[in-house]
């Protein structure tokens, strides 16, 4: 798999607000300079560029993993926004993802994910 800085930057530009992208880049680089470059190159310019999954599918997987982990509310909120605003999911689609996960991740983590939905849709 070939990594592409240009494709990574384009993906970030198309899927995130400038403020959101600046915030996570600053957080990563504050103590580990250059870390955000790796994320742009390897994740957004690499993994996200692979064939086989559409952005909608990737967002569902991201939301499921983040909801299951817990403690990732800022990232989950961002992926919910991307799922709806960029990947073509409806709010109802996102809610159904979390309802489907409830038997696997539990009610408390599902409720936390639903709070992230509220935050994502208010902002």
PDB file of N, CA and C in Angstrom:
ATOM      1  N   UNK A   1       0.836  -1.170   0.000  1.00  0.00           N
ATOM      2  CA  UNK A   1       0.000   0.000   0.000  1.00  0.00           C
ATOM      3  C   UNK A   1       0.888   1.243   0.000  1.00  0.00           C
ATOM      4  N   UNK A   2       0.656   2.104  -0.928  1.00  0.00           N
ATOM      5  CA  UNK A   2       1.422   3.339  -1.042  1.00  0.00           C
ATOM      6  C   UNK A   2       0.752   4.439  -0.227  1.00  0.00           C
ATOM      7  N   UNK A   3       1.536   5.139   0.571  1.00  0.00           N
ATOM      8  CA  UNK A   3       1.016   6.251   1.362  1.00  0.00           C
ATOM      9  C   UNK A   3       1.088   7.522   0.537  1.00  0.00           C
ATOM     10  N   UNK A   4       0.110   8.388   0.740  1.00  0.00           N
ATOM     11  CA  UNK A   4       0.082   9.629  -0.022  1.00  0.00           C
ATOM     12  C   UNK A   4      -0.291  10.795   0.882  1.00  0.00           C
ATOM     13  N   UNK A   5       0.678  11.656   1.116  1.00  0.00           N
ATOM     14  CA  UNK A   5       0.441  12.857   1.933  1.00  0.00           C
ATOM     15  C   UNK A   5      -0.638  13.718   1.290  1.00  0.00           C
ATOM     16  N   UNK A   6      -0.574  13.895  -0.030  1.00  0.00           N
ATOM     17  CA  UNK A   6      -1.537  14.749  -0.729  1.00  0.00           C
ATOM     18  C   UNK A   6      -2.957  14.195  -0.592  1.00  0.00           C
ATOM     19  N   UNK A   7      -3.114  12.878  -0.758  1.00  0.00           N
ATOM     20  CA  UNK A   7      -4.442  12.269  -0.611  1.00  0.00           C
ATOM     21  C   UNK A   7      -4.925  12.370   0.826  1.00  0.00           C
ATOM     22  N   UNK A   8      -4.009  12.219   1.770  1.00  0.00           N
ATOM     23  CA  UNK A   8      -4.371  12.346   3.176  1.00  0.00           C
ATOM     24  C   UNK A   8      -4.852  13.741   3.513  1.00  0.00           C
ATOM     25  N   UNK A   9      -4.118  14.746   3.048  1.00  0.00           N
ATOM     26  CA  UNK A   9      -4.516  16.143   3.291  1.00  0.00           C
ATOM     27  C   UNK A   9      -5.859  16.440   2.628  1.00  0.00           C
ATOM     28  N   UNK A  10      -6.058  15.938   1.412  1.00  0.00           N
ATOM     29  CA  UNK A  10      -7.320  16.153   0.711  1.00  0.00           C
ATOM     30  C   UNK A  10      -8.469  15.504   1.477  1.00  0.00           C
ATOM     31  N   UNK A  11      -8.249  14.284   1.977  1.00  0.00           N
ATOM     32  CA  UNK A  11      -9.279  13.592   2.736  1.00  0.00           C
ATOM     33  C   UNK A  11      -9.644  14.377   3.994  1.00  0.00           C
ATOM     34  N   UNK A  12      -8.646  14.845   4.720  1.00  0.00           N
ATOM     35  CA  UNK A  12      -8.903  15.632   5.927  1.00  0.00           C
ATOM     36  C   UNK A  12      -9.707  16.878   5.569  1.00  0.00           C
ATOM     37  N   UNK A  13      -9.322  17.555   4.506  1.00  0.00           N
ATOM     38  CA  UNK A  13     -10.011  18.768   4.065  1.00  0.00           C
ATOM     39  C   UNK A  13     -11.473  18.491   3.710  1.00  0.00           C
ATOM     40  N   UNK A  14     -11.730  17.334   3.102  1.00  0.00           N
ATOM     41  CA  UNK A  14     -13.086  16.993   2.661  1.00  0.00           C
ATOM     42  C   UNK A  14     -13.972  16.457   3.780  1.00  0.00           C
ATOM     43  N   UNK A  15     -13.378  15.965   4.851  1.00  0.00           N
ATOM     44  CA  UNK A  15     -14.177  15.305   5.881  1.00  0.00           C
ATOM     45  C   UNK A  15     -14.192  16.004   7.232  1.00  0.00           C
ATOM     46  N   UNK A  16     -13.357  17.024   7.410  1.00  0.00           N
ATOM     47  CA  UNK A  16     -13.273  17.685   8.711  1.00  0.00           C
ATOM     48  C   UNK A  16     -13.257  19.191   8.533  1.00  0.00           C
ATOM     49  N   UNK A  17     -13.779  19.868   9.524  1.00  0.00           N
ATOM     50  CA  UNK A  17     -13.693  21.328   9.495  1.00  0.00           C
ATOM     51  C   UNK A  17     -12.243  21.725   9.760  1.00  0.00           C
ATOM     52  N   UNK A  18     -11.838  22.889   9.277  1.00  0.00           N
ATOM     53  CA  UNK A  18     -10.464  23.338   9.555  1.00  0.00           C
ATOM     54  C   UNK A  18     -10.178  23.412  11.054  1.00  0.00           C
ATOM     55  N   UNK A  19     -11.185  23.812  11.840  1.00  0.00           N
ATOM     56  CA  UNK A  19     -11.003  23.926  13.295  1.00  0.00           C
ATOM     57  C   UNK A  19     -10.797  22.550  13.934  1.00  0.00           C
ATOM     58  N   UNK A  20     -11.593  21.585  13.495  1.00  0.00           N
ATOM     59  CA  UNK A  20     -11.485  20.231  14.033  1.00  0.00           C
ATOM     60  C   UNK A  20     -10.132  19.622  13.703  1.00  0.00           C
ATOM     61  N   UNK A  21      -9.719  19.734  12.455  1.00  0.00           N
ATOM     62  CA  UNK A  21      -8.425  19.180  12.046  1.00  0.00           C
ATOM     63  C   UNK A  21      -7.282  19.852  12.792  1.00  0.00           C
ATOM     64  N   UNK A  22      -7.354  21.156  12.926  1.00  0.00           N
ATOM     65  CA  UNK A  22      -6.296  21.876  13.648  1.00  0.00           C
ATOM     66  C   UNK A  22      -6.225  21.432  15.103  1.00  0.00           C
ATOM     67  N   UNK A  23      -7.385  21.167  15.703  1.00  0.00           N
ATOM     68  CA  UNK A  23      -7.419  20.787  17.121  1.00  0.00           C
ATOM     69  C   UNK A  23      -6.723  19.444  17.354  1.00  0.00           C
ATOM     70  N   UNK A  24      -7.073  18.408  16.559  1.00  0.00           N
ATOM     71  CA  UNK A  24      -6.439  17.115  16.822  1.00  0.00           C
ATOM     72  C   UNK A  24      -4.966  17.123  16.431  1.00  0.00           C
ATOM     73  N   UNK A  25      -4.627  17.873  15.383  1.00  0.00           N
ATOM     74  CA  UNK A  25      -3.215  17.956  15.001  1.00  0.00           C
ATOM     75  C   UNK A  25      -2.398  18.621  16.106  1.00  0.00           C
ATOM     76  N   UNK A  26      -2.935  19.681  16.684  1.00  0.00           N
ATOM     77  CA  UNK A  26      -2.240  20.387  17.756  1.00  0.00           C
ATOM     78  C   UNK A  26      -2.082  19.487  18.972  1.00  0.00           C
ATOM     79  N   UNK A  27      -3.136  18.738  19.316  1.00  0.00           N
ATOM     80  CA  UNK A  27      -3.064  17.833  20.465  1.00  0.00           C
ATOM     81  C   UNK A  27      -1.965  16.797  20.277  1.00  0.00           C
ATOM     82  N   UNK A  28      -1.897  16.205  19.104  1.00  0.00           N
ATOM     83  CA  UNK A  28      -0.882  15.191  18.858  1.00  0.00           C
ATOM     84  C   UNK A  28       0.525  15.783  18.841  1.00  0.00           C
ATOM     85  N   UNK A  29       0.669  16.935  18.215  1.00  0.00           N
ATOM     86  CA  UNK A  29       2.003  17.513  18.021  1.00  0.00           C
ATOM     87  C   UNK A  29       2.535  18.267  19.231  1.00  0.00           C
ATOM     88  N   UNK A  30       1.654  18.588  20.174  1.00  0.00           N
ATOM     89  CA  UNK A  30       2.090  19.360  21.347  1.00  0.00           C
ATOM     90  C   UNK A  30       3.216  18.649  22.097  1.00  0.00           C
ATOM     91  N   UNK A  31       3.114  17.354  22.252  1.00  0.00           N
ATOM     92  CA  UNK A  31       4.123  16.600  22.991  1.00  0.00           C
ATOM     93  C   UNK A  31       4.923  15.649  22.113  1.00  0.00           C
ATOM     94  N   UNK A  32       4.436  15.425  20.916  1.00  0.00           N
ATOM     95  CA  UNK A  32       5.127  14.511  19.998  1.00  0.00           C
ATOM     96  C   UNK A  32       5.098  15.128  18.603  1.00  0.00           C
ATOM     97  N   UNK A  33       5.938  16.134  18.365  1.00  0.00           N
ATOM     98  CA  UNK A  33       5.929  16.820  17.075  1.00  0.00           C
ATOM     99  C   UNK A  33       6.057  15.841  15.900  1.00  0.00           C
ATOM    100  N   UNK A  34       5.226  16.077  14.891  1.00  0.00           N
ATOM    101  CA  UNK A  34       5.250  15.254  13.698  1.00  0.00           C
ATOM    102  C   UNK A  34       4.257  14.096  13.720  1.00  0.00           C
ATOM    103  N   UNK A  35       3.658  13.841  14.874  1.00  0.00           N
ATOM    104  CA  UNK A  35       2.722  12.723  14.973  1.00  0.00           C
ATOM    105  C   UNK A  35       1.516  12.928  14.063  1.00  0.00           C
ATOM    106  N   UNK A  36       1.035  14.154  13.957  1.00  0.00           N
ATOM    107  CA  UNK A  36      -0.126  14.398  13.090  1.00  0.00           C
ATOM    108  C   UNK A  36       0.233  14.130  11.624  1.00  0.00           C
ATOM    109  N   UNK A  37       1.477  14.350  11.259  1.00  0.00           N
ATOM    110  CA  UNK A  37       1.902  14.038   9.889  1.00  0.00           C
ATOM    111  C   UNK A  37       1.765  12.544   9.619  1.00  0.00           C
ATOM    112  N   UNK A  38       2.140  11.727  10.604  1.00  0.00           N
ATOM    113  CA  UNK A  38       2.007  10.280  10.448  1.00  0.00           C
ATOM    114  C   UNK A  38       0.540   9.898  10.265  1.00  0.00           C
ATOM    115  N   UNK A  39      -0.359  10.493  11.062  1.00  0.00           N
ATOM    116  CA  UNK A  39      -1.785  10.177  10.944  1.00  0.00           C
ATOM    117  C   UNK A  39      -2.298  10.562   9.558  1.00  0.00           C
ATOM    118  N   UNK A  40      -1.927  11.752   9.092  1.00  0.00           N
ATOM    119  CA  UNK A  40      -2.369  12.189   7.765  1.00  0.00           C
ATOM    120  C   UNK A  40      -1.832  11.243   6.699  1.00  0.00           C
ATOM    121  N   UNK A  41      -0.575  10.889   6.789  1.00  0.00           N
ATOM    122  CA  UNK A  41       0.051  10.023   5.778  1.00  0.00           C
ATOM    123  C   UNK A  41      -0.476   8.587   5.847  1.00  0.00           C
ATOM    124  N   UNK A  42      -0.361   7.955   7.001  1.00  0.00           N
ATOM    125  CA  UNK A  42      -0.643   6.521   7.130  1.00  0.00           C
ATOM    126  C   UNK A  42      -2.126   6.200   7.230  1.00  0.00           C
ATOM    127  N   UNK A  43      -2.868   7.012   7.970  1.00  0.00           N
ATOM    128  CA  UNK A  43      -4.286   6.708   8.162  1.00  0.00           C
ATOM    129  C   UNK A  43      -5.114   7.290   7.014  1.00  0.00           C
ATOM    130  N   UNK A  44      -5.090   8.618   6.875  1.00  0.00           N
ATOM    131  CA  UNK A  44      -5.947   9.257   5.874  1.00  0.00           C
ATOM    132  C   UNK A  44      -5.392   9.141   4.458  1.00  0.00           C
ATOM    133  N   UNK A  45      -4.071   9.061   4.329  1.00  0.00           N
ATOM    134  CA  UNK A  45      -3.453   8.905   3.019  1.00  0.00           C
ATOM    135  C   UNK A  45      -3.101   7.465   2.694  1.00  0.00           C
ATOM    136  N   UNK A  46      -3.407   6.559   3.605  1.00  0.00           N
ATOM    137  CA  UNK A  46      -3.094   5.147   3.408  1.00  0.00           C
ATOM    138  C   UNK A  46      -4.320   4.277   3.614  1.00  0.00           C
ATOM    139  N   UNK A  47      -4.619   3.982   4.872  1.00  0.00           N
ATOM    140  CA  UNK A  47      -5.723   3.073   5.194  1.00  0.00           C
ATOM    141  C   UNK A  47      -7.034   3.509   4.566  1.00  0.00           C
ATOM    142  N   UNK A  48      -7.373   4.779   4.669  1.00  0.00           N
ATOM    143  CA  UNK A  48      -8.641   5.269   4.121  1.00  0.00           C
ATOM    144  C   UNK A  48      -8.666   5.245   2.594  1.00  0.00           C
ATOM    145  N   UNK A  49      -7.521   5.122   1.963  1.00  0.00           N
ATOM    146  CA  UNK A  49      -7.457   5.112   0.500  1.00  0.00           C
ATOM    147  C   UNK A  49      -7.564   3.703  -0.092  1.00  0.00           C
ATOM    148  N   UNK A  50      -7.557   2.694   0.756  1.00  0.00           N
ATOM    149  CA  UNK A  50      -7.638   1.318   0.261  1.00  0.00           C
ATOM    150  C   UNK A  50      -8.988   1.058  -0.388  1.00  0.00           C
ATOM    151  N   UNK A  51      -8.985   0.190  -1.373  1.00  0.00           N
ATOM    152  CA  UNK A  51     -10.228  -0.223  -2.013  1.00  0.00           C
ATOM    153  C   UNK A  51     -10.922  -1.247  -1.120  1.00  0.00           C
ATOM    154  N   UNK A  52     -12.205  -1.435  -1.350  1.00  0.00           N
ATOM    155  CA  UNK A  52     -12.924  -2.493  -0.659  1.00  0.00           C
ATOM    156  C   UNK A  52     -14.012  -2.018   0.280  1.00  0.00           C
ATOM    157  N   UNK A  53     -13.862  -0.837   0.843  1.00  0.00           N
ATOM    158  CA  UNK A  53     -14.884  -0.290   1.732  1.00  0.00           C
ATOM    159  C   UNK A  53     -15.195   1.141   1.329  1.00  0.00           C
ATOM    160  N   UNK A  54     -16.449   1.463   1.355  1.00  0.00           N
ATOM    161  CA  UNK A  54     -16.867   2.848   1.123  1.00  0.00           C
ATOM    162  C   UNK A  54     -16.702   3.629   2.417  1.00  0.00           C
ATOM    163  N   UNK A  55     -16.697   4.944   2.326  1.00  0.00           N
ATOM    164  CA  UNK A  55     -16.547   5.788   3.512  1.00  0.00           C
ATOM    165  C   UNK A  55     -17.650   5.494   4.529  1.00  0.00           C
ATOM    166  N   UNK A  56     -18.873   5.263   4.065  1.00  0.00           N
ATOM    167  CA  UNK A  56     -19.981   4.935   4.978  1.00  0.00           C
ATOM    168  C   UNK A  56     -19.633   3.696   5.810  1.00  0.00           C
ATOM    169  N   UNK A  57     -19.107   2.670   5.168  1.00  0.00           N
ATOM    170  CA  UNK A  57     -18.734   1.448   5.878  1.00  0.00           C
ATOM    171  C   UNK A  57     -17.619   1.717   6.887  1.00  0.00           C
ATOM    172  N   UNK A  58     -16.643   2.483   6.470  1.00  0.00           N
ATOM    173  CA  UNK A  58     -15.533   2.811   7.364  1.00  0.00           C
ATOM    174  C   UNK A  58     -16.035   3.573   8.588  1.00  0.00           C
ATOM    175  N   UNK A  59     -16.973   4.499   8.359  1.00  0.00           N
ATOM    176  CA  UNK A  59     -17.503   5.272   9.482  1.00  0.00           C
ATOM    177  C   UNK A  59     -18.279   4.380  10.442  1.00  0.00           C
ATOM    178  N   UNK A  60     -19.040   3.421   9.921  1.00  0.00           N
ATOM    179  CA  UNK A  60     -19.746   2.498  10.810  1.00  0.00           C
ATOM    180  C   UNK A  60     -18.759   1.701  11.658  1.00  0.00           C
ATOM    181  N   UNK A  61     -17.692   1.230  11.026  1.00  0.00           N
ATOM    182  CA  UNK A  61     -16.677   0.489  11.768  1.00  0.00           C
ATOM    183  C   UNK A  61     -16.005   1.364  12.822  1.00  0.00           C
ATOM    184  N   UNK A  62     -15.679   2.593  12.445  1.00  0.00           N
ATOM    185  CA  UNK A  62     -15.051   3.512  13.391  1.00  0.00           C
ATOM    186  C   UNK A  62     -15.964   3.785  14.577  1.00  0.00           C
ATOM    187  N   UNK A  63     -17.236   4.063  14.280  1.00  0.00           N
ATOM    188  CA  UNK A  63     -18.185   4.356  15.361  1.00  0.00           C
ATOM    189  C   UNK A  63     -18.344   3.147  16.277  1.00  0.00           C
ATOM    190  N   UNK A  64     -18.425   1.952  15.707  1.00  0.00           N
ATOM    191  CA  UNK A  64     -18.570   0.746  16.517  1.00  0.00           C
ATOM    192  C   UNK A  64     -17.353   0.540  17.419  1.00  0.00           C
ATOM    193  N   UNK A  65     -16.172   0.685  16.860  1.00  0.00           N
ATOM    194  CA  UNK A  65     -14.948   0.486  17.651  1.00  0.00           C
ATOM    195  C   UNK A  65     -14.840   1.529  18.760  1.00  0.00           C
ATOM    196  N   UNK A  66     -15.094   2.780  18.427  1.00  0.00           N
ATOM    197  CA  UNK A  66     -14.979   3.838  19.430  1.00  0.00           C
ATOM    198  C   UNK A  66     -16.036   3.704  20.520  1.00  0.00           C
ATOM    199  N   UNK A  67     -17.263   3.351  20.145  1.00  0.00           N
ATOM    200  CA  UNK A  67     -18.320   3.156  21.146  1.00  0.00           C
ATOM    201  C   UNK A  67     -17.972   1.978  22.057  1.00  0.00           C
ATOM    202  N   UNK A  68     -17.431   0.916  21.483  1.00  0.00           N
ATOM    203  CA  UNK A  68     -17.078  -0.265  22.272  1.00  0.00           C
ATOM    204  C   UNK A  68     -15.937   0.021  23.237  1.00  0.00           C
ATOM    205  N   UNK A  69     -14.984   0.845  22.806  1.00  0.00           N
ATOM    206  CA  UNK A  69     -13.856   1.171  23.674  1.00  0.00           C
ATOM    207  C   UNK A  69     -14.282   2.008  24.860  1.00  0.00           C
ATOM    208  N   UNK A  70     -15.133   2.986  24.596  1.00  0.00           N
ATOM    209  CA  UNK A  70     -15.493   3.926  25.650  1.00  0.00           C
ATOM    210  C   UNK A  70     -14.338   4.874  25.927  1.00  0.00           C
ATOM    211  N   UNK A  71     -14.650   6.007  26.522  1.00  0.00           N
ATOM    212  CA  UNK A  71     -13.608   6.986  26.835  1.00  0.00           C
ATOM    213  C   UNK A  71     -13.072   7.709  25.626  1.00  0.00           C
ATOM    214  N   UNK A  72     -13.759   7.612  24.501  1.00  0.00           N
ATOM    215  CA  UNK A  72     -13.304   8.214  23.241  1.00  0.00           C
ATOM    216  C   UNK A  72     -14.361   9.179  22.698  1.00  0.00           C
ATOM    217  N   UNK A  73     -15.089   9.813  23.602  1.00  0.00           N
ATOM    218  CA  UNK A  73     -16.233  10.610  23.186  1.00  0.00           C
ATOM    219  C   UNK A  73     -15.910  11.704  22.175  1.00  0.00           C
ATOM    220  N   UNK A  74     -14.814  12.450  22.312  1.00  0.00           N
ATOM    221  CA  UNK A  74     -14.528  13.470  21.285  1.00  0.00           C
ATOM    222  C   UNK A  74     -14.332  12.864  19.893  1.00  0.00           C
ATOM    223  N   UNK A  75     -13.634  11.741  19.824  1.00  0.00           N
ATOM    224  CA  UNK A  75     -13.402  11.102  18.530  1.00  0.00           C
ATOM    225  C   UNK A  75     -14.700  10.506  17.984  1.00  0.00           C
ATOM    226  N   UNK A  76     -15.503   9.885  18.847  1.00  0.00           N
ATOM    227  CA  UNK A  76     -16.768   9.318  18.413  1.00  0.00           C
ATOM    228  C   UNK A  76     -17.692  10.405  17.893  1.00  0.00           C
ATOM    229  N   UNK A  77     -17.749  11.522  18.586  1.00  0.00           N
ATOM    230  CA  UNK A  77     -18.577  12.651  18.139  1.00  0.00           C
ATOM    231  C   UNK A  77     -18.139  13.112  16.754  1.00  0.00           C
ATOM    232  N   UNK A  78     -16.839  13.219  16.528  1.00  0.00           N
ATOM    233  CA  UNK A  78     -16.328  13.624  15.220  1.00  0.00           C
ATOM    234  C   UNK A  78     -16.680  12.641  14.126  1.00  0.00           C
ATOM    235  N   UNK A  79     -16.592  11.351  14.423  1.00  0.00           N
ATOM    236  CA  UNK A  79     -16.929  10.344  13.415  1.00  0.00           C
ATOM    237  C   UNK A  79     -18.427  10.308  13.137  1.00  0.00           C
ATOM    238  N   UNK A  80     -19.239  10.611  14.134  1.00  0.00           N
ATOM    239  CA  UNK A  80     -20.685  10.707  13.911  1.00  0.00           C
ATOM    240  C   UNK A  80     -20.972  11.859  12.947  1.00  0.00           C
ATOM    241  N   UNK A  81     -20.329  13.003  13.173  1.00  0.00           N
ATOM    242  CA  UNK A  81     -20.511  14.144  12.268  1.00  0.00           C
ATOM    243  C   UNK A  81     -20.105  13.776  10.847  1.00  0.00           C
ATOM    244  N   UNK A  82     -18.954  13.137  10.699  1.00  0.00           N
ATOM    245  CA  UNK A  82     -18.489  12.739   9.372  1.00  0.00           C
ATOM    246  C   UNK A  82     -19.453  11.749   8.728  1.00  0.00           C
ATOM    247  N   UNK A  83     -19.970  10.819   9.510  1.00  0.00           N
ATOM    248  CA  UNK A  83     -20.902   9.821   8.978  1.00  0.00           C
ATOM    249  C   UNK A  83     -22.126  10.489   8.364  1.00  0.00           C
ATOM    250  N   UNK A  84     -22.624  11.523   9.035  1.00  0.00           N
ATOM    251  CA  UNK A  84     -23.849  12.188   8.568  1.00  0.00           C
ATOM    252  C   UNK A  84     -23.545  13.246   7.515  1.00  0.00           C
ATOM    253  N   UNK A  85     -22.555  14.079   7.777  1.00  0.00           N
ATOM    254  CA  UNK A  85     -22.293  15.221   6.902  1.00  0.00           C
ATOM    255  C   UNK A  85     -21.535  14.861   5.632  1.00  0.00           C
ATOM    256  N   UNK A  86     -20.766  13.783   5.654  1.00  0.00           N
ATOM    257  CA  UNK A  86     -19.909  13.450   4.513  1.00  0.00           C
ATOM    258  C   UNK A  86     -20.226  12.074   3.923  1.00  0.00           C
ATOM    259  N   UNK A  87     -20.470  11.095   4.773  1.00  0.00           N
ATOM    260  CA  UNK A  87     -20.603   9.710   4.296  1.00  0.00           C
ATOM    261  C   UNK A  87     -22.031   9.321   3.928  1.00  0.00           C
ATOM    262  N   UNK A  88     -22.980  10.222   4.068  1.00  0.00           N
ATOM    263  CA  UNK A  88     -24.336   9.959   3.597  1.00  0.00           C
ATOM    264  C   UNK A  88     -25.233   9.185   4.538  1.00  0.00           C
ATOM    265  N   UNK A  89     -24.837   9.026   5.774  1.00  0.00           N
ATOM    266  CA  UNK A  89     -25.700   8.339   6.731  1.00  0.00           C
ATOM    267  C   UNK A  89     -26.723   9.319   7.298  1.00  0.00           C
ATOM    268  N   UNK A  90     -27.886   8.825   7.629  1.00  0.00           N
ATOM    269  CA  UNK A  90     -28.876   9.657   8.303  1.00  0.00           C
ATOM    270  C   UNK A  90     -28.667   9.545   9.814  1.00  0.00           C
ATOM    271  N   UNK A  91     -29.286  10.435  10.541  1.00  0.00           N
ATOM    272  CA  UNK A  91     -29.224  10.338  12.003  1.00  0.00           C
ATOM    273  C   UNK A  91     -29.815   9.018  12.475  1.00  0.00           C
ATOM    274  N   UNK A  92     -30.860   8.593  11.792  1.00  0.00           N
ATOM    275  CA  UNK A  92     -31.503   7.325  12.144  1.00  0.00           C
ATOM    276  C   UNK A  92     -30.565   6.145  11.896  1.00  0.00           C
ATOM    277  N   UNK A  93     -29.796   6.210  10.803  1.00  0.00           N
ATOM    278  CA  UNK A  93     -28.814   5.156  10.522  1.00  0.00           C
ATOM    279  C   UNK A  93     -27.798   5.048  11.665  1.00  0.00           C
ATOM    280  N   UNK A  94     -27.309   6.206  12.107  1.00  0.00           N
ATOM    281  CA  UNK A  94     -26.317   6.220  13.181  1.00  0.00           C
ATOM    282  C   UNK A  94     -26.928   5.645  14.456  1.00  0.00           C
ATOM    283  N   UNK A  95     -28.136   6.070  14.783  1.00  0.00           N
ATOM    284  CA  UNK A  95     -28.804   5.561  15.980  1.00  0.00           C
ATOM    285  C   UNK A  95     -28.961   4.040  15.906  1.00  0.00           C
ATOM    286  N   UNK A  96     -29.341   3.530  14.733  1.00  0.00           N
ATOM    287  CA  UNK A  96     -29.512   2.084  14.575  1.00  0.00           C
ATOM    288  C   UNK A  96     -28.197   1.337  14.757  1.00  0.00           C
ATOM    289  N   UNK A  97     -27.087   1.945  14.339  1.00  0.00           N
ATOM    290  CA  UNK A  97     -25.782   1.319  14.577  1.00  0.00           C
ATOM    291  C   UNK A  97     -25.578   1.083  16.069  1.00  0.00           C
ATOM    292  N   UNK A  98     -25.883   2.103  16.870  1.00  0.00           N
ATOM    293  CA  UNK A  98     -25.666   1.984  18.313  1.00  0.00           C
ATOM    294  C   UNK A  98     -26.679   1.037  18.948  1.00  0.00           C
ATOM    295  N   UNK A  99     -27.918   1.052  18.477  1.00  0.00           N
ATOM    296  CA  UNK A  99     -28.913   0.105  18.988  1.00  0.00           C
ATOM    297  C   UNK A  99     -28.466  -1.322  18.680  1.00  0.00           C
ATOM    298  N   UNK A 100     -27.952  -1.539  17.473  1.00  0.00           N
ATOM    299  CA  UNK A 100     -27.470  -2.863  17.097  1.00  0.00           C
ATOM    300  C   UNK A 100     -26.318  -3.306  18.001  1.00  0.00           C
ATOM    301  N   UNK A 101     -25.481  -2.367  18.401  1.00  0.00           N
ATOM    302  CA  UNK A 101     -24.327  -2.697  19.237  1.00  0.00           C
ATOM    303  C   UNK A 101     -24.691  -2.975  20.692  1.00  0.00           C
ATOM    304  N   UNK A 102     -25.853  -2.534  21.131  1.00  0.00           N
ATOM    305  CA  UNK A 102     -26.196  -2.594  22.549  1.00  0.00           C
ATOM    306  C   UNK A 102     -25.998  -3.977  23.183  1.00  0.00           C
ATOM    307  N   UNK A 103     -26.424  -5.069  22.555  1.00  0.00           N
ATOM    308  CA  UNK A 103     -26.196  -6.367  23.199  1.00  0.00           C
ATOM    309  C   UNK A 103     -24.717  -6.744  23.305  1.00  0.00           C
ATOM    310  N   UNK A 104     -23.900  -6.131  22.476  1.00  0.00           N
ATOM    311  CA  UNK A 104     -22.479  -6.469  22.447  1.00  0.00           C
ATOM    312  C   UNK A 104     -21.632  -5.565  23.340  1.00  0.00           C
ATOM    313  N   UNK A 105     -22.006  -4.277  23.434  1.00  0.00           N
ATOM    314  CA  UNK A 105     -21.182  -3.333  24.197  1.00  0.00           C
ATOM    315  C   UNK A 105     -21.837  -2.910  25.503  1.00  0.00           C
ATOM    316  N   UNK A 106     -23.122  -3.196  25.664  1.00  0.00           N
ATOM    317  CA  UNK A 106     -23.821  -2.868  26.902  1.00  0.00           C
ATOM    318  C   UNK A 106     -24.571  -1.549  26.816  1.00  0.00           C
ATOM    319  N   UNK A 107     -25.512  -1.424  27.730  1.00  0.00           N
ATOM    320  CA  UNK A 107     -26.352  -0.229  27.774  1.00  0.00           C
ATOM    321  C   UNK A 107     -25.545   1.029  28.129  1.00  0.00           C
ATOM    322  N   UNK A 108     -24.655   0.997  29.127  1.00  0.00           N
ATOM    323  CA  UNK A 108     -23.926   2.231  29.459  1.00  0.00           C
ATOM    324  C   UNK A 108     -23.120   2.805  28.289  1.00  0.00           C
ATOM    325  N   UNK A 109     -22.427   1.958  27.547  1.00  0.00           N
ATOM    326  CA  UNK A 109     -21.648   2.456  26.403  1.00  0.00           C
ATOM    327  C   UNK A 109     -22.567   2.912  25.277  1.00  0.00           C
ATOM    328  N   UNK A 110     -23.718   2.267  25.127  1.00  0.00           N
ATOM    329  CA  UNK A 110     -24.685   2.707  24.116  1.00  0.00           C
ATOM    330  C   UNK A 110     -25.234   4.079  24.491  1.00  0.00           C
ATOM    331  N   UNK A 111     -25.547   4.276  25.760  1.00  0.00           N
ATOM    332  CA  UNK A 111     -26.027   5.589  26.214  1.00  0.00           C
ATOM    333  C   UNK A 111     -24.960   6.662  25.995  1.00  0.00           C
ATOM    334  N   UNK A 112     -23.706   6.326  26.255  1.00  0.00           N
ATOM    335  CA  UNK A 112     -22.613   7.281  26.019  1.00  0.00           C
ATOM    336  C   UNK A 112     -22.528   7.630  24.539  1.00  0.00           C
ATOM    337  N   UNK A 113     -22.699   6.632  23.672  1.00  0.00           N
ATOM    338  CA  UNK A 113     -22.675   6.883  22.228  1.00  0.00           C
ATOM    339  C   UNK A 113     -23.841   7.777  21.819  1.00  0.00           C
ATOM    340  N   UNK A 114     -24.994   7.559  22.409  1.00  0.00           N
ATOM    341  CA  UNK A 114     -26.162   8.394  22.099  1.00  0.00           C
ATOM    342  C   UNK A 114     -25.939   9.835  22.562  1.00  0.00           C
ATOM    343  N   UNK A 115     -25.239  10.017  23.683  1.00  0.00           N
ATOM    344  CA  UNK A 115     -24.891  11.382  24.111  1.00  0.00           C
ATOM    345  C   UNK A 115     -23.962  12.037  23.100  1.00  0.00           C
ATOM    346  N   UNK A 116     -23.065  11.252  22.522  1.00  0.00           N
ATOM    347  CA  UNK A 116     -22.188  11.785  21.472  1.00  0.00           C
ATOM    348  C   UNK A 116     -23.012  12.212  20.256  1.00  0.00           C
ATOM    349  N   UNK A 117     -24.075  11.459  19.948  1.00  0.00           N
ATOM    350  CA  UNK A 117     -24.952  11.861  18.858  1.00  0.00           C
ATOM    351  C   UNK A 117     -25.562  13.231  19.147  1.00  0.00           C
ATOM    352  N   UNK A 118     -26.040  13.408  20.359  1.00  0.00           N
ATOM    353  CA  UNK A 118     -26.642  14.697  20.746  1.00  0.00           C
ATOM    354  C   UNK A 118     -25.632  15.819  20.563  1.00  0.00           C
ATOM    355  N   UNK A 119     -24.407  15.594  21.034  1.00  0.00           N
ATOM    356  CA  UNK A 119     -23.354  16.607  20.887  1.00  0.00           C
ATOM    357  C   UNK A 119     -23.055  16.869  19.418  1.00  0.00           C
ATOM    358  N   UNK A 120     -22.963  15.820  18.626  1.00  0.00           N
ATOM    359  CA  UNK A 120     -22.640  15.966  17.199  1.00  0.00           C
ATOM    360  C   UNK A 120     -23.725  16.759  16.466  1.00  0.00           C
ATOM    361  N   UNK A 121     -24.977  16.533  16.805  1.00  0.00           N
ATOM    362  CA  UNK A 121     -26.071  17.161  16.076  1.00  0.00           C
ATOM    363  C   UNK A 121     -26.402  18.549  16.598  1.00  0.00           C
ATOM    364  N   UNK A 122     -25.926  18.888  17.787  1.00  0.00           N
ATOM    365  CA  UNK A 122     -26.126  20.246  18.310  1.00  0.00           C
ATOM    366  C   UNK A 122     -25.109  21.216  17.731  1.00  0.00           C
ATOM    367  N   UNK A 123     -23.914  20.687  17.393  1.00  0.00           N
ATOM    368  CA  UNK A 123     -22.812  21.542  16.966  1.00  0.00           C
ATOM    369  C   UNK A 123     -22.811  21.893  15.568  1.00  0.00           C
TER     370      UNK A 123
END
